N, C-alpha and C. Protein backbone atom coordinates (compact mmCIF):
# COMPACT_ATOMS: atom_id res chain seq x y z
N ASP A 1 -0.71 2.02 26.48
CA ASP A 1 -0.15 1.01 26.99
C ASP A 1 0.14 -0.44 27.89
N ILE A 2 1.01 -1.11 27.82
CA ILE A 2 1.43 -2.14 27.98
C ILE A 2 0.99 -2.76 28.96
N GLU A 3 0.17 -3.85 29.21
CA GLU A 3 -0.29 -4.47 30.26
C GLU A 3 0.36 -5.36 31.34
N ASP A 4 0.72 -6.11 32.02
CA ASP A 4 1.55 -6.83 32.26
C ASP A 4 0.07 -8.70 31.96
N TRP A 5 1.23 -9.62 31.30
CA TRP A 5 0.72 -10.78 31.13
C TRP A 5 -0.41 -11.25 31.98
N GLY A 6 -1.61 -11.49 31.70
CA GLY A 6 -2.33 -12.23 32.69
C GLY A 6 -3.64 -10.65 33.25
N THR A 7 -3.44 -10.14 32.60
CA THR A 7 -4.15 -8.63 33.23
C THR A 7 -5.11 -8.69 31.77
N ASP A 8 -6.55 -8.30 31.80
CA ASP A 8 -7.59 -8.33 31.20
C ASP A 8 -7.73 -6.85 30.84
N LEU A 9 -7.57 -6.60 29.70
CA LEU A 9 -7.39 -5.63 28.77
C LEU A 9 -9.17 -5.16 28.86
N SER A 10 -8.85 -3.75 28.87
CA SER A 10 -9.94 -2.92 28.38
C SER A 10 -9.92 -1.95 27.79
N PHE A 11 -11.23 -2.20 26.98
CA PHE A 11 -11.51 -1.37 25.51
C PHE A 11 -12.29 -0.15 25.52
N GLY A 12 -11.85 0.70 24.83
CA GLY A 12 -12.87 1.93 24.89
C GLY A 12 -14.19 2.13 24.06
N ASP A 13 -14.60 3.30 24.16
CA ASP A 13 -16.19 3.16 23.29
C ASP A 13 -15.72 3.07 21.95
N ASP A 14 -16.77 2.75 21.23
CA ASP A 14 -16.76 2.58 19.72
C ASP A 14 -16.49 4.03 18.91
N ILE A 15 -15.67 4.12 17.90
CA ILE A 15 -15.71 5.71 17.45
C ILE A 15 -16.23 5.31 16.31
N LYS A 16 -17.59 6.03 15.63
CA LYS A 16 -18.18 6.16 14.37
C LYS A 16 -17.18 6.57 13.38
N CYS A 17 -17.01 6.02 12.32
CA CYS A 17 -16.44 6.82 11.07
C CYS A 17 -17.46 6.43 10.14
N GLY A 18 -17.59 7.78 10.00
CA GLY A 18 -19.07 8.17 8.88
C GLY A 18 -19.94 7.04 8.80
N ASP A 19 -20.82 6.97 7.84
CA ASP A 19 -21.79 6.08 8.08
C ASP A 19 -21.54 4.89 7.45
N LYS A 20 -22.74 4.05 7.57
CA LYS A 20 -22.34 2.71 7.38
C LYS A 20 -22.71 2.24 5.85
N SER A 21 -22.77 3.02 4.99
CA SER A 21 -23.12 3.22 3.57
C SER A 21 -21.84 2.17 2.77
N TYR A 22 -20.84 2.56 3.36
CA TYR A 22 -19.55 1.91 2.67
C TYR A 22 -18.62 1.37 3.84
N LEU A 23 -17.82 0.52 3.55
CA LEU A 23 -17.18 -0.52 4.34
C LEU A 23 -15.58 0.41 4.51
N ILE A 24 -14.89 -0.03 5.64
CA ILE A 24 -13.37 0.73 5.95
C ILE A 24 -12.42 -0.18 5.14
N THR A 25 -11.85 0.14 4.22
CA THR A 25 -10.86 -0.91 3.72
C THR A 25 -9.49 -0.83 3.99
N ASN A 26 -8.91 0.49 5.23
CA ASN A 26 -7.54 0.10 5.70
C ASN A 26 -7.45 0.59 7.15
N MET A 27 -6.74 0.93 8.01
CA MET A 27 -5.86 1.92 8.44
C MET A 27 -4.60 1.87 8.56
N LEU A 28 -4.19 3.18 8.99
CA LEU A 28 -2.88 3.75 8.82
C LEU A 28 -1.96 4.57 9.68
N LEU A 29 -1.27 4.62 10.91
CA LEU A 29 -0.69 5.51 11.47
C LEU A 29 0.00 6.13 10.78
N HIS A 30 0.27 7.28 10.52
CA HIS A 30 0.58 8.32 9.86
C HIS A 30 0.91 9.85 10.74
N MET A 31 2.41 9.93 11.06
CA MET A 31 2.20 11.47 11.22
C MET A 31 1.77 11.85 12.57
N ASN A 32 1.71 10.60 13.01
CA ASN A 32 0.91 10.42 14.41
C ASN A 32 -0.69 10.31 14.61
N LYS A 33 -1.28 10.09 13.66
CA LYS A 33 -2.64 10.28 13.32
C LYS A 33 -3.23 8.93 13.02
N LEU A 34 -3.90 8.76 13.09
CA LEU A 34 -4.63 6.99 12.55
C LEU A 34 -5.56 7.77 11.51
N TYR A 35 -5.27 7.32 10.22
CA TYR A 35 -5.98 7.24 9.10
C TYR A 35 -7.12 6.06 8.82
N VAL A 36 -8.55 6.66 8.71
CA VAL A 36 -8.95 5.72 8.67
C VAL A 36 -9.40 5.81 6.61
N PHE A 37 -9.28 4.67 6.32
CA PHE A 37 -9.95 4.55 4.68
C PHE A 37 -11.06 3.84 4.67
N LYS A 38 -11.69 4.27 3.47
CA LYS A 38 -13.28 3.74 3.81
C LYS A 38 -13.35 3.84 1.96
N GLU A 39 -14.13 2.91 1.73
CA GLU A 39 -14.43 2.71 -0.01
C GLU A 39 -14.74 4.21 -0.66
N ASP A 40 -15.25 5.23 0.28
CA ASP A 40 -15.58 6.89 -0.35
C ASP A 40 -15.11 7.76 0.34
N GLN A 41 -14.36 7.48 1.51
CA GLN A 41 -13.86 8.31 2.11
C GLN A 41 -12.51 8.04 2.96
N ILE A 42 -11.14 9.21 2.89
CA ILE A 42 -10.80 9.32 4.12
C ILE A 42 -10.95 9.77 5.30
N GLY A 43 -10.85 9.49 6.60
CA GLY A 43 -10.89 10.59 7.89
C GLY A 43 -9.63 9.77 9.07
N THR A 44 -9.61 10.87 9.36
CA THR A 44 -8.69 10.65 10.84
C THR A 44 -9.24 10.00 12.40
N VAL A 45 -8.55 10.11 13.14
CA VAL A 45 -9.12 9.51 13.94
C VAL A 45 -8.31 10.56 15.46
N VAL A 46 -8.43 11.65 16.04
CA VAL A 46 -7.92 11.83 17.10
C VAL A 46 -8.84 12.23 18.04
N ASP A 47 -7.67 12.13 19.31
CA ASP A 47 -8.90 11.97 20.48
C ASP A 47 -9.83 11.30 20.78
N GLU A 48 -10.32 10.62 19.95
CA GLU A 48 -11.55 9.80 19.98
C GLU A 48 -12.84 10.27 19.29
N ALA A 49 -12.03 10.73 18.24
CA ALA A 49 -13.20 11.39 17.09
C ALA A 49 -12.69 11.43 15.92
N TYR A 50 -13.96 11.19 14.54
CA TYR A 50 -13.49 10.81 13.92
C TYR A 50 -13.43 12.45 12.75
N ALA A 51 -12.70 12.50 12.36
CA ALA A 51 -12.57 13.83 11.46
C ALA A 51 -12.54 13.49 9.85
N LEU A 52 -13.62 13.67 9.03
CA LEU A 52 -14.03 13.78 7.73
C LEU A 52 -12.02 14.46 6.78
N GLN A 53 -11.99 13.76 6.40
CA GLN A 53 -10.32 14.45 5.45
C GLN A 53 -10.60 14.95 4.10
N GLU A 54 -10.35 15.84 3.69
CA GLU A 54 -11.46 16.06 1.75
C GLU A 54 -10.64 15.36 0.89
N SER A 55 -11.17 14.77 0.50
CA SER A 55 -10.97 13.66 -0.88
C SER A 55 -11.77 13.56 -1.79
N ASN A 56 -11.69 13.10 -3.06
CA ASN A 56 -12.79 12.73 -3.90
C ASN A 56 -12.71 11.78 -4.20
N LEU A 57 -12.84 10.86 -2.89
CA LEU A 57 -13.17 9.43 -3.18
C LEU A 57 -14.58 9.48 -3.21
N LYS A 58 -15.03 10.00 -2.55
CA LYS A 58 -16.94 9.61 -2.78
C LYS A 58 -17.71 9.72 -4.05
N ASN A 59 -16.58 10.50 -5.18
CA ASN A 59 -17.05 10.58 -6.65
C ASN A 59 -16.72 9.15 -7.26
N THR A 60 -15.81 8.38 -6.39
CA THR A 60 -15.61 7.09 -6.76
C THR A 60 -15.17 5.94 -5.75
N PRO A 61 -16.59 5.61 -5.33
CA PRO A 61 -16.43 4.73 -4.06
C PRO A 61 -15.98 2.83 -4.95
N SER A 62 -15.25 2.73 -4.10
CA SER A 62 -14.38 1.22 -4.72
C SER A 62 -14.33 0.42 -3.58
N PRO A 63 -14.20 -1.26 -3.39
CA PRO A 63 -13.15 -1.46 -2.60
C PRO A 63 -11.70 -1.40 -2.26
N ARG A 64 -11.35 -1.07 -3.62
CA ARG A 64 -9.72 -0.88 -4.03
C ARG A 64 -9.20 0.62 -3.40
N ASN A 65 -10.35 1.31 -2.93
CA ASN A 65 -9.86 2.74 -2.74
C ASN A 65 -9.36 2.61 -1.03
N GLY A 66 -8.15 2.95 -0.90
CA GLY A 66 -7.48 2.48 0.36
C GLY A 66 -6.96 1.07 0.78
N ALA A 67 -7.39 -0.27 -0.54
CA ALA A 67 -6.56 -1.13 -0.04
C ALA A 67 -5.67 -1.16 0.40
N ALA A 68 -4.56 -0.72 -0.32
CA ALA A 68 -3.17 -0.51 -0.11
C ALA A 68 -2.58 0.80 0.56
N VAL A 69 -2.04 0.79 1.42
CA VAL A 69 -1.35 2.36 1.88
C VAL A 69 -0.23 2.17 3.08
N CYS A 70 0.79 3.06 3.12
CA CYS A 70 2.01 3.21 3.39
C CYS A 70 2.59 4.41 3.73
N SER A 71 3.01 4.93 5.14
CA SER A 71 3.34 5.93 5.50
C SER A 71 4.95 5.96 4.90
N TRP A 72 6.17 6.87 4.14
CA TRP A 72 7.02 7.05 4.30
C TRP A 72 7.58 8.11 3.92
N ASN A 73 8.55 8.50 4.98
CA ASN A 73 9.04 9.67 4.56
C ASN A 73 8.53 10.66 4.75
N GLY A 74 7.49 11.31 5.89
CA GLY A 74 6.81 11.57 5.60
C GLY A 74 5.50 12.11 4.87
N LEU A 75 5.08 11.07 3.56
CA LEU A 75 4.07 11.04 2.74
C LEU A 75 3.54 10.04 2.96
N MET A 76 2.20 10.23 2.98
CA MET A 76 1.44 8.83 3.00
C MET A 76 1.03 8.84 1.25
N TYR A 77 0.87 7.20 1.39
CA TYR A 77 0.65 6.72 0.09
C TYR A 77 -0.56 5.93 -0.03
N TYR A 78 -1.58 5.93 -0.37
CA TYR A 78 -2.76 5.19 -0.90
C TYR A 78 -3.69 4.47 -2.22
N SER A 79 -4.00 3.54 -2.50
CA SER A 79 -4.50 3.10 -3.26
C SER A 79 -5.83 3.71 -4.05
N TRP A 80 -5.92 4.22 -5.02
CA TRP A 80 -7.16 4.78 -5.86
C TRP A 80 -7.57 3.87 -7.22
N LEU A 81 -8.54 3.51 -7.23
CA LEU A 81 -9.06 2.66 -8.08
C LEU A 81 -7.48 1.83 -8.54
N ASN A 82 -7.32 1.96 -9.75
CA ASN A 82 -6.23 1.04 -10.08
C ASN A 82 -4.86 1.71 -10.05
N THR A 83 -4.62 2.85 -9.37
CA THR A 83 -3.29 3.68 -9.26
C THR A 83 -3.20 3.93 -7.89
N ILE A 84 -1.83 4.78 -7.84
CA ILE A 84 -1.30 5.01 -5.66
C ILE A 84 -1.88 6.82 -6.46
N MET A 85 -1.76 6.93 -5.10
CA MET A 85 -2.04 8.27 -4.62
C MET A 85 -0.80 8.62 -3.61
N GLU A 86 -0.04 10.22 -3.94
CA GLU A 86 0.92 10.43 -3.05
C GLU A 86 0.39 11.38 -1.91
N SER A 87 0.17 11.55 -1.14
CA SER A 87 -0.26 12.83 -0.31
C SER A 87 0.82 13.24 1.09
N TYR A 88 0.52 14.54 0.89
CA TYR A 88 1.32 15.14 1.84
C TYR A 88 0.94 16.69 1.91
N GLY A 89 0.76 17.03 3.44
CA GLY A 89 0.17 18.16 3.52
C GLY A 89 -1.06 18.47 3.12
N GLY A 90 -1.78 17.70 2.88
CA GLY A 90 -3.68 17.98 2.44
C GLY A 90 -3.75 18.10 0.99
N ASN A 91 -2.09 17.99 0.04
CA ASN A 91 -2.62 17.59 -1.19
C ASN A 91 -2.10 16.14 -1.69
N ALA A 92 -3.21 15.75 -2.58
CA ALA A 92 -2.53 14.44 -3.00
C ALA A 92 -2.24 14.23 -4.72
N ASN A 93 -1.30 14.05 -5.39
CA ASN A 93 -1.19 13.51 -6.59
C ASN A 93 -0.97 12.05 -7.32
N ASP A 94 -1.18 11.81 -8.39
CA ASP A 94 -1.45 10.55 -8.92
C ASP A 94 -0.22 10.19 -9.08
N ILE A 95 0.81 9.60 -8.69
CA ILE A 95 1.95 9.13 -9.45
C ILE A 95 1.82 7.40 -9.72
N GLY A 96 0.66 7.13 -9.69
CA GLY A 96 0.66 5.11 -10.27
C GLY A 96 1.58 5.52 -11.70
N GLN A 97 0.95 4.15 -12.03
CA GLN A 97 1.68 3.46 -13.67
C GLN A 97 1.59 4.17 -14.64
N ALA A 98 0.35 4.96 -14.52
CA ALA A 98 -0.41 5.40 -15.85
C ALA A 98 -0.49 6.96 -15.48
N TRP A 99 0.50 7.45 -14.74
CA TRP A 99 0.27 9.07 -14.41
C TRP A 99 1.31 9.65 -15.53
N ARG A 100 1.86 8.84 -16.36
CA ARG A 100 2.88 9.26 -17.27
C ARG A 100 2.70 8.61 -18.52
N GLY A 101 1.44 8.05 -18.56
CA GLY A 101 1.63 6.98 -20.15
C GLY A 101 0.47 5.84 -19.41
N GLN A 102 0.18 4.97 -20.59
CA GLN A 102 -0.47 4.25 -20.58
C GLN A 102 -0.44 2.97 -19.09
N GLY A 103 0.40 2.79 -18.34
CA GLY A 103 0.88 1.76 -17.92
C GLY A 103 0.41 0.36 -17.68
N PRO A 104 0.23 -0.28 -17.00
CA PRO A 104 -0.14 -1.73 -17.67
C PRO A 104 -1.56 -2.31 -17.89
N VAL A 105 -1.41 -2.93 -19.75
CA VAL A 105 -2.79 -3.33 -20.16
C VAL A 105 -3.09 -4.01 -20.26
N GLY A 106 -4.01 -5.08 -20.61
CA GLY A 106 -4.63 -6.15 -21.08
C GLY A 106 -4.61 -7.32 -19.82
N ASN A 107 -4.24 -8.08 -19.85
CA ASN A 107 -3.77 -9.06 -18.57
C ASN A 107 -2.78 -8.61 -17.64
N ARG A 108 -2.31 -7.77 -17.99
CA ARG A 108 -1.32 -7.26 -17.14
C ARG A 108 -1.73 -5.99 -15.88
N ALA A 109 -2.75 -5.62 -16.50
CA ALA A 109 -3.44 -4.59 -15.75
C ALA A 109 -4.05 -4.93 -14.47
N GLY A 110 -3.99 -4.61 -12.98
CA GLY A 110 -4.80 -4.87 -11.71
C GLY A 110 -4.73 -3.94 -11.26
N TYR A 111 -5.40 -3.92 -10.15
CA TYR A 111 -5.33 -3.17 -8.86
C TYR A 111 -4.51 -3.32 -8.02
N VAL A 112 -3.82 -2.44 -6.94
CA VAL A 112 -2.89 -2.29 -6.16
C VAL A 112 -2.97 -3.08 -4.73
N SER A 113 -2.81 -4.03 -4.40
CA SER A 113 -2.60 -4.76 -3.44
C SER A 113 -1.90 -4.24 -2.25
N CYS A 114 -0.69 -3.65 -2.40
CA CYS A 114 -0.13 -3.63 -1.68
C CYS A 114 1.13 -2.22 -2.33
N ILE A 115 1.53 -1.69 -0.99
CA ILE A 115 2.44 -0.84 -1.18
C ILE A 115 3.63 -0.86 0.03
N LEU A 116 4.75 -0.56 -0.26
CA LEU A 116 5.95 -1.14 1.00
C LEU A 116 6.88 -0.03 0.41
N GLY A 117 7.48 0.99 1.67
CA GLY A 117 8.14 1.74 1.24
C GLY A 117 9.82 1.18 2.12
N ILE A 118 10.75 1.19 1.43
CA ILE A 118 11.96 0.84 1.80
C ILE A 118 13.06 1.87 1.20
N ASN A 119 13.66 2.39 2.12
CA ASN A 119 14.89 2.83 1.57
C ASN A 119 14.52 4.30 1.14
N ALA A 120 14.90 4.44 -0.26
CA ALA A 120 14.39 5.35 -1.46
C ALA A 120 13.38 4.87 -1.96
N TRP A 121 12.76 3.44 -1.72
CA TRP A 121 11.82 3.01 -2.58
C TRP A 121 10.65 2.74 -2.39
N ARG A 122 9.32 2.88 -3.06
CA ARG A 122 8.60 2.62 -2.86
C ARG A 122 7.97 1.13 -3.67
N PHE A 123 7.68 0.25 -3.10
CA PHE A 123 7.32 -0.93 -4.12
C PHE A 123 6.13 -1.24 -4.13
N CYS A 124 4.84 -1.71 -4.68
CA CYS A 124 3.86 -1.70 -4.96
C CYS A 124 3.74 -2.88 -5.62
N ALA A 125 2.63 -3.90 -5.31
CA ALA A 125 2.24 -4.97 -6.42
C ALA A 125 0.69 -4.80 -6.77
N LEU A 126 0.91 -5.36 -7.83
CA LEU A 126 -0.27 -5.02 -8.93
C LEU A 126 -1.04 -6.92 -9.03
N ASP A 127 -2.25 -6.77 -8.56
CA ASP A 127 -3.24 -7.98 -8.54
C ASP A 127 -3.66 -8.10 -9.72
N ALA A 128 -3.44 -8.63 -11.29
CA ALA A 128 -3.65 -8.56 -12.05
C ALA A 128 -5.35 -9.92 -11.78
N GLY A 129 -5.19 -10.70 -10.80
CA GLY A 129 -6.31 -11.46 -10.10
C GLY A 129 -6.11 -12.77 -11.27
N ALA A 130 -6.90 -13.67 -11.05
CA ALA A 130 -6.98 -15.59 -11.61
C ALA A 130 -6.58 -15.47 -13.19
N THR A 131 -6.77 -14.30 -13.40
CA THR A 131 -6.70 -14.59 -15.44
C THR A 131 -5.65 -13.55 -15.91
N GLY A 132 -4.60 -13.29 -15.21
CA GLY A 132 -3.60 -12.02 -15.55
C GLY A 132 -2.36 -12.26 -15.30
N TYR A 133 -1.46 -11.63 -15.47
CA TYR A 133 -0.03 -11.63 -15.34
C TYR A 133 0.30 -10.24 -13.67
N SER A 134 0.20 -10.94 -12.36
CA SER A 134 0.18 -10.08 -11.60
C SER A 134 1.62 -9.42 -11.09
N SER A 135 1.96 -8.50 -10.74
CA SER A 135 3.75 -8.05 -10.70
C SER A 135 3.97 -7.16 -9.66
N VAL A 136 5.27 -6.72 -9.46
CA VAL A 136 5.90 -6.07 -8.54
C VAL A 136 6.30 -4.94 -9.03
N HIS A 137 6.12 -3.69 -8.57
CA HIS A 137 7.18 -2.46 -9.12
C HIS A 137 7.49 -1.64 -8.61
N VAL A 138 8.33 -0.80 -8.53
CA VAL A 138 9.27 -0.23 -7.65
C VAL A 138 9.23 1.18 -8.04
N TYR A 139 9.32 2.74 -7.82
CA TYR A 139 9.32 3.72 -7.71
C TYR A 139 10.31 4.69 -6.99
N ASN A 140 11.10 5.24 -7.90
CA ASN A 140 11.95 5.94 -7.12
C ASN A 140 12.12 7.33 -6.71
N GLY A 141 10.64 7.70 -7.06
CA GLY A 141 10.13 8.95 -6.90
C GLY A 141 10.74 9.89 -8.74
N GLN A 142 9.99 9.10 -9.43
CA GLN A 142 10.66 10.07 -10.88
C GLN A 142 9.93 8.72 -11.80
N THR A 143 10.08 7.07 -11.47
CA THR A 143 9.47 6.86 -12.50
C THR A 143 9.49 5.30 -11.92
N TRP A 144 8.57 4.40 -12.36
CA TRP A 144 8.60 2.65 -12.57
C TRP A 144 9.19 1.90 -12.49
N HIS A 145 9.30 0.63 -12.60
CA HIS A 145 9.99 -0.17 -12.81
C HIS A 145 9.43 -1.23 -12.37
N GLU A 146 9.24 -2.00 -13.13
CA GLU A 146 8.55 -3.86 -13.43
C GLU A 146 9.89 -4.52 -12.92
N LEU A 147 9.71 -4.92 -11.53
CA LEU A 147 10.71 -6.17 -11.30
C LEU A 147 10.41 -7.31 -10.65
N TYR A 148 9.16 -7.64 -11.13
CA TYR A 148 9.19 -9.06 -10.71
C TYR A 148 7.64 -9.81 -11.25
N ARG A 149 7.34 -10.49 -12.55
CA ARG A 149 5.54 -10.30 -13.06
C ARG A 149 6.04 -12.10 -12.73
N ALA A 150 4.57 -12.13 -11.77
CA ALA A 150 4.07 -13.47 -11.24
C ALA A 150 3.91 -14.56 -12.41
N PRO A 151 3.55 -15.66 -12.51
CA PRO A 151 3.46 -17.11 -13.70
C PRO A 151 1.89 -16.47 -14.02
N TYR A 152 0.70 -16.49 -14.72
CA TYR A 152 0.06 -16.61 -15.59
C TYR A 152 -1.17 -16.93 -14.44
N GLY A 153 -1.97 -16.26 -13.87
CA GLY A 153 -3.51 -16.39 -12.34
C GLY A 153 -2.63 -16.68 -11.11
N HIS A 154 -1.48 -16.08 -11.00
CA HIS A 154 -0.99 -16.20 -9.61
C HIS A 154 -1.26 -14.76 -8.87
N ARG A 155 -1.85 -14.80 -8.25
CA ARG A 155 -2.11 -12.99 -7.57
C ARG A 155 -1.30 -12.38 -6.76
N VAL A 156 -0.36 -11.50 -6.96
CA VAL A 156 0.55 -11.07 -5.98
C VAL A 156 -0.46 -10.52 -4.90
N ARG A 157 -0.48 -10.72 -3.68
CA ARG A 157 -1.21 -9.84 -2.45
C ARG A 157 -0.72 -9.14 -1.72
N ASP A 158 0.78 -9.33 -1.24
CA ASP A 158 1.52 -8.52 -0.14
C ASP A 158 2.53 -9.16 -0.93
N LEU A 159 3.73 -7.55 0.18
CA LEU A 159 4.89 -7.75 -0.18
C LEU A 159 5.67 -7.38 1.66
N TRP A 160 7.03 -8.00 1.88
CA TRP A 160 7.36 -7.85 2.68
C TRP A 160 8.82 -7.58 2.86
N TRP A 161 9.77 -6.95 3.27
CA TRP A 161 10.99 -6.59 3.29
C TRP A 161 12.16 -7.60 4.47
N GLN A 162 12.87 -7.94 4.23
CA GLN A 162 14.05 -8.75 5.53
C GLN A 162 15.24 -8.06 5.33
N HIS A 163 15.59 -7.08 6.08
CA HIS A 163 16.77 -6.47 6.02
C HIS A 163 17.62 -7.56 6.62
N VAL A 164 18.87 -7.78 6.06
CA VAL A 164 20.00 -8.88 6.45
C VAL A 164 21.11 -7.78 6.47
N ASP A 165 21.64 -7.56 7.68
CA ASP A 165 22.56 -6.68 7.49
C ASP A 165 24.27 -7.53 7.08
N GLY A 166 24.55 -7.00 6.42
CA GLY A 166 26.53 -7.80 5.69
C GLY A 166 25.82 -8.32 5.08
N SER A 167 24.60 -8.65 4.00
CA SER A 167 24.30 -9.70 3.40
C SER A 167 23.07 -9.32 2.16
N HIS A 168 22.85 -9.91 1.65
CA HIS A 168 21.50 -9.50 0.14
C HIS A 168 20.54 -9.39 1.16
N SER A 169 19.63 -7.96 1.13
CA SER A 169 18.54 -8.44 2.14
C SER A 169 17.36 -8.84 0.61
N ARG A 170 16.28 -8.81 1.31
CA ARG A 170 15.24 -9.75 -0.04
C ARG A 170 13.56 -9.41 0.57
N LEU A 171 13.17 -8.99 -0.56
CA LEU A 171 12.01 -8.71 -1.10
C LEU A 171 10.90 -9.62 -1.02
N PHE A 172 9.77 -10.29 -0.04
CA PHE A 172 9.33 -11.78 0.00
C PHE A 172 7.93 -10.85 -0.96
N ILE A 173 7.62 -11.83 -1.88
CA ILE A 173 6.52 -11.95 -2.15
C ILE A 173 5.36 -12.53 -2.20
N ASP A 174 3.86 -12.22 -1.55
CA ASP A 174 3.04 -13.73 -1.52
C ASP A 174 2.45 -13.32 -2.50
N LEU A 175 2.34 -14.73 -3.11
CA LEU A 175 1.99 -15.60 -4.52
C LEU A 175 0.55 -16.63 -4.68
N ASP A 176 -0.60 -16.37 -3.83
CA ASP A 176 -1.29 -16.87 -3.76
C ASP A 176 -1.31 -18.00 -1.90
N TYR A 177 -0.93 -19.19 -2.62
CA TYR A 177 -0.39 -20.18 -1.66
C TYR A 177 1.43 -20.33 -1.81
N ASP A 178 1.77 -19.33 -2.24
CA ASP A 178 3.24 -19.66 -2.59
C ASP A 178 4.27 -17.87 -1.56
N VAL A 179 5.55 -18.06 -1.74
CA VAL A 179 6.11 -17.22 -1.56
C VAL A 179 7.34 -17.17 -2.68
N ALA A 180 7.24 -15.94 -2.97
CA ALA A 180 8.90 -16.18 -3.62
C ALA A 180 9.54 -14.37 -3.20
N TYR A 181 10.86 -14.66 -3.56
CA TYR A 181 11.77 -13.55 -2.93
C TYR A 181 13.12 -13.19 -4.07
N LEU A 182 12.94 -11.88 -4.11
CA LEU A 182 14.20 -11.02 -4.88
C LEU A 182 15.07 -10.59 -3.61
N GLU A 183 16.34 -10.97 -4.39
CA GLU A 183 17.27 -10.82 -3.31
C GLU A 183 18.15 -9.54 -4.01
N PHE A 184 18.16 -8.20 -3.01
CA PHE A 184 19.21 -6.90 -3.58
C PHE A 184 20.14 -7.09 -3.00
N PRO A 185 20.76 -5.96 -4.04
CA PRO A 185 22.39 -6.14 -3.41
C PRO A 185 22.99 -5.24 -2.32
N THR A 186 24.09 -5.45 -1.64
CA THR A 186 24.43 -5.51 0.28
C THR A 186 24.51 -4.01 -0.23
N ASP A 187 24.23 -4.21 0.97
CA ASP A 187 24.80 -2.38 1.71
C ASP A 187 24.99 -1.11 0.15
N VAL A 188 24.19 -1.52 -0.57
CA VAL A 188 23.50 -0.26 -1.54
C VAL A 188 22.09 -0.37 -2.22
N ALA A 189 21.46 1.16 -2.16
CA ALA A 189 20.01 1.30 -2.73
C ALA A 189 20.42 1.34 -4.19
N LYS A 190 20.66 0.44 -4.93
CA LYS A 190 20.78 0.43 -6.37
C LYS A 190 21.11 -1.12 -7.29
N PRO A 191 19.72 -1.70 -7.37
CA PRO A 191 19.00 -3.06 -7.64
C PRO A 191 20.02 -3.53 -8.89
N THR A 192 20.66 -2.60 -9.61
CA THR A 192 21.33 -2.63 -10.93
C THR A 192 22.47 -3.49 -10.80
N ASN A 193 22.89 -3.05 -9.74
CA ASN A 193 24.30 -3.54 -9.16
C ASN A 193 24.66 -5.21 -8.58
N ASP A 194 23.17 -5.87 -8.61
CA ASP A 194 22.99 -7.30 -8.39
C ASP A 194 23.39 -7.92 -9.64
């Protein structure tokens, strides 16, 4: 509920989300459920109660698990180690860059710092750290394409979309202490038209 300006807010009781062995990495509202991502598990909060969801994160606990999440068109995407999982109806499939091949290697490999679903695309930011080439990739449901490669040592941390009606929409890229953007074609979901 939205309270009038100046009204004191009242908060509910704490909801325990598993034990304290591993930290919460992210939260996502997906299909009218609040998903809580931890380094070792995924759970949901419904009616002020936490319920553990079936996943294999317990076998590979990491601060990268769930660090990037996205709800898009009934599908849920989340980072798992250095890849991306696509979840629907309780099933999760690895759709990351290495799912059909090797993926980025050497100083271009990194963890998924952001997933953003816009139109028919799923964008992901790969943070290769201070000693690599971070990048932005787009997934069209079949394959990944690299759209942007940051200068050496510039970490890509976040993505944001700005829709501009009747003109070029923009994908903004958070580069440490700087911002870059890519313009997209007007009124069509085909980057090669630009």
